[in-house]
Amino acid sequence: MSFRFVLASVLRLRQSIERQRTLQLQEATLHVRRARETLEQLDRSLSDSAQSDSTALSAGRTGAELRFATVLRENMLHFREELQSDIGRLELLRQQALAAYRQAYREREVLETLRARQRRTYQQEQLRRDQQELDAVHLLQRWHHRD
């Protein structure tokens, strides 16, 4: 008779949940990374814009062009604030996904540890039974040789 873990179906469920939580964590991490990359690009654009505005002012840009550049910069700054807020929200979601993953990991680990212990116990008992059987066979052989 081979080893059979009674809670195998529960273990499979826990493994599946852990995989789902891993995917959710990866997705949340990706969203945070993309938002941070967008923020970095926006910061570079703002920096480039400031440099080009000072250069354009000395090059004789018109008032309308300067006003347009100012409005554009204000919009970019507003977008930057929204993006920072989004990053905070996305980071919170990532932290929640991480907590859910850790919980799923622990729950799966508990079942796998239990399975490993039960398997060891089963194997030890099987070895004990095998040894008892060998001992019994040996005693029978000795008993038959005495006759």
Protein backbone atom coordinates (compact mmCIF):
# COMPACT_ATOMS: atom_id res chain seq x y z
CA MET A 1 0.00 0.00 0.00
CA SER A 2 1.48 3.33 -1.03
CA PHE A 3 1.36 6.61 0.86
CA ARG A 4 -1.79 8.63 0.41
CA PHE A 5 -2.12 12.15 1.79
CA VAL A 6 -5.70 12.63 2.94
CA LEU A 7 -5.59 16.39 2.42
CA ALA A 8 -4.12 16.20 -1.11
CA SER A 9 -7.08 18.02 -2.65
CA VAL A 10 -6.79 20.82 -0.10
CA LEU A 11 -3.07 21.05 -0.84
CA ARG A 12 -3.76 21.34 -4.58
CA LEU A 13 -6.28 24.10 -3.83
CA ARG A 14 -3.71 25.94 -1.70
CA GLN A 15 -1.10 25.59 -4.45
CA SER A 16 -3.57 27.01 -6.96
CA ILE A 17 -4.42 29.93 -4.67
CA GLU A 18 -0.73 30.63 -4.16
CA ARG A 19 -0.18 30.69 -7.95
CA GLN A 20 -3.10 33.13 -8.32
CA ARG A 21 -1.72 35.36 -5.58
CA THR A 22 1.72 35.27 -7.24
CA LEU A 23 0.21 36.43 -10.53
CA GLN A 24 -1.73 39.18 -8.76
CA LEU A 25 1.43 40.35 -7.01
CA GLN A 26 3.36 40.36 -10.29
CA GLU A 27 0.61 42.37 -11.95
CA ALA A 28 0.48 44.90 -9.10
CA THR A 29 4.28 45.24 -9.18
CA LEU A 30 4.16 45.80 -12.94
CA HIS A 31 1.57 48.58 -12.54
CA VAL A 32 3.71 50.32 -9.93
CA ARG A 33 6.83 50.02 -12.07
CA ARG A 34 5.06 51.40 -15.15
CA ALA A 35 3.67 54.33 -13.19
CA ARG A 36 7.12 55.10 -11.77
CA GLU A 37 8.65 54.92 -15.26
CA THR A 38 5.98 57.31 -16.53
CA LEU A 39 6.79 59.67 -13.65
CA GLU A 40 10.50 59.53 -14.51
CA GLN A 41 9.72 60.30 -18.16
CA LEU A 42 7.49 63.17 -17.11
CA ASP A 43 10.21 64.57 -14.84
CA ARG A 44 12.69 64.40 -17.73
CA SER A 45 10.17 66.19 -19.98
CA LEU A 46 9.65 68.88 -17.36
CA SER A 47 13.39 69.34 -16.99
CA ASP A 48 13.87 69.50 -20.76
CA SER A 49 10.95 71.92 -21.04
CA ALA A 50 12.47 74.26 -18.46
CA GLN A 51 15.77 74.28 -20.31
CA SER A 52 14.13 74.84 -23.70
CA ASP A 53 11.96 77.66 -22.29
CA SER A 54 14.99 79.57 -21.08
CA THR A 55 16.72 79.01 -24.41
CA ALA A 56 13.60 80.02 -26.36
CA LEU A 57 13.15 83.18 -24.30
CA SER A 58 16.62 84.38 -25.23
CA ALA A 59 15.98 83.35 -28.85
CA GLY A 60 13.02 85.71 -29.14
CA ARG A 61 9.98 83.51 -28.65
CA THR A 62 6.62 85.28 -28.85
CA GLY A 63 4.41 85.89 -25.83
CA ALA A 64 1.79 83.46 -27.14
CA GLU A 65 4.40 80.72 -27.49
CA LEU A 66 5.66 81.39 -23.97
CA ARG A 67 2.09 81.34 -22.60
CA PHE A 68 1.43 78.04 -24.39
CA ALA A 69 4.63 76.57 -22.92
CA THR A 70 3.57 77.77 -19.45
CA VAL A 71 0.11 76.20 -19.76
CA LEU A 72 1.68 73.00 -21.02
CA ARG A 73 4.07 72.93 -18.05
CA GLU A 74 1.19 73.56 -15.61
CA ASN A 75 -0.75 70.68 -17.16
CA MET A 76 2.29 68.44 -16.90
CA LEU A 77 2.74 69.41 -13.23
CA HIS A 78 -0.92 68.67 -12.56
CA PHE A 79 -0.56 65.32 -14.30
CA ARG A 80 2.56 64.67 -12.20
CA GLU A 81 0.58 65.23 -8.99
CA GLU A 82 -2.13 62.84 -10.18
CA LEU A 83 0.51 60.32 -11.15
CA GLN A 84 2.13 60.52 -7.72
CA SER A 85 -1.27 59.95 -6.15
CA ASP A 86 -1.83 56.97 -8.46
CA ILE A 87 1.57 55.56 -7.51
CA GLY A 88 0.60 55.75 -3.84
CA ARG A 89 -2.67 53.94 -4.54
CA LEU A 90 -0.93 51.34 -6.72
CA GLU A 91 1.75 50.79 -4.08
CA LEU A 92 -0.96 50.19 -1.49
CA LEU A 93 -2.56 47.63 -3.81
CA ARG A 94 0.85 46.00 -4.29
CA GLN A 95 1.34 45.80 -0.53
CA GLN A 96 -2.09 44.17 -0.19
CA ALA A 97 -1.23 41.71 -2.97
CA LEU A 98 2.06 40.93 -1.20
CA ALA A 99 0.24 40.27 2.08
CA ALA A 100 -2.25 37.99 0.30
CA TYR A 101 0.61 36.11 -1.38
CA ARG A 102 2.46 35.66 1.91
CA GLN A 103 -0.70 34.30 3.54
CA ALA A 104 -1.29 31.87 0.67
CA TYR A 105 2.37 30.80 0.84
CA ARG A 106 2.13 30.09 4.57
CA GLU A 107 -1.10 28.12 4.17
CA ARG A 108 0.42 25.98 1.41
CA GLU A 109 3.64 25.52 3.38
CA VAL A 110 1.71 24.26 6.42
CA LEU A 111 0.02 21.57 4.34
CA GLU A 112 3.24 20.56 2.60
CA THR A 113 4.99 20.28 5.97
CA LEU A 114 2.15 18.15 7.28
CA ARG A 115 2.32 15.95 4.17
CA ALA A 116 6.09 15.53 4.57
CA ARG A 117 5.70 14.55 8.23
CA GLN A 118 2.95 12.08 7.44
CA ARG A 119 5.04 10.60 4.62
CA ARG A 120 8.03 10.17 6.95
CA THR A 121 5.81 8.54 9.57
CA TYR A 122 4.32 6.26 6.93
CA GLN A 123 7.78 5.30 5.63
CA GLN A 124 9.05 4.61 9.14
CA GLU A 125 6.03 2.43 9.88
CA GLN A 126 6.48 0.65 6.55
CA LEU A 127 10.12 -0.04 7.37
CA ARG A 128 9.09 -1.32 10.79
CA ARG A 129 6.47 -3.62 9.22
CA ASP A 130 8.98 -4.85 6.65
CA GLN A 131 11.49 -5.57 9.40
CA GLN A 132 8.89 -7.40 11.46
CA GLU A 133 7.99 -9.47 8.43
CA LEU A 134 11.64 -10.30 7.79
CA ASP A 135 12.10 -11.22 11.41
CA ALA A 136 9.05 -13.48 11.29
CA VAL A 137 10.30 -15.17 8.11
CA HIS A 138 13.71 -15.66 9.68
CA LEU A 139 12.20 -17.16 12.83
CA LEU A 140 10.06 -19.51 10.74
CA GLN A 141 13.10 -20.63 8.76
CA ARG A 142 15.03 -21.29 11.96
CA TRP A 143 12.09 -23.15 13.41
CA HIS A 144 11.78 -25.32 10.25
CA HIS A 145 15.51 -26.08 10.27
CA ARG A 146 15.30 -27.34 13.83
CA ASP A 147 12.93 -30.04 12.83
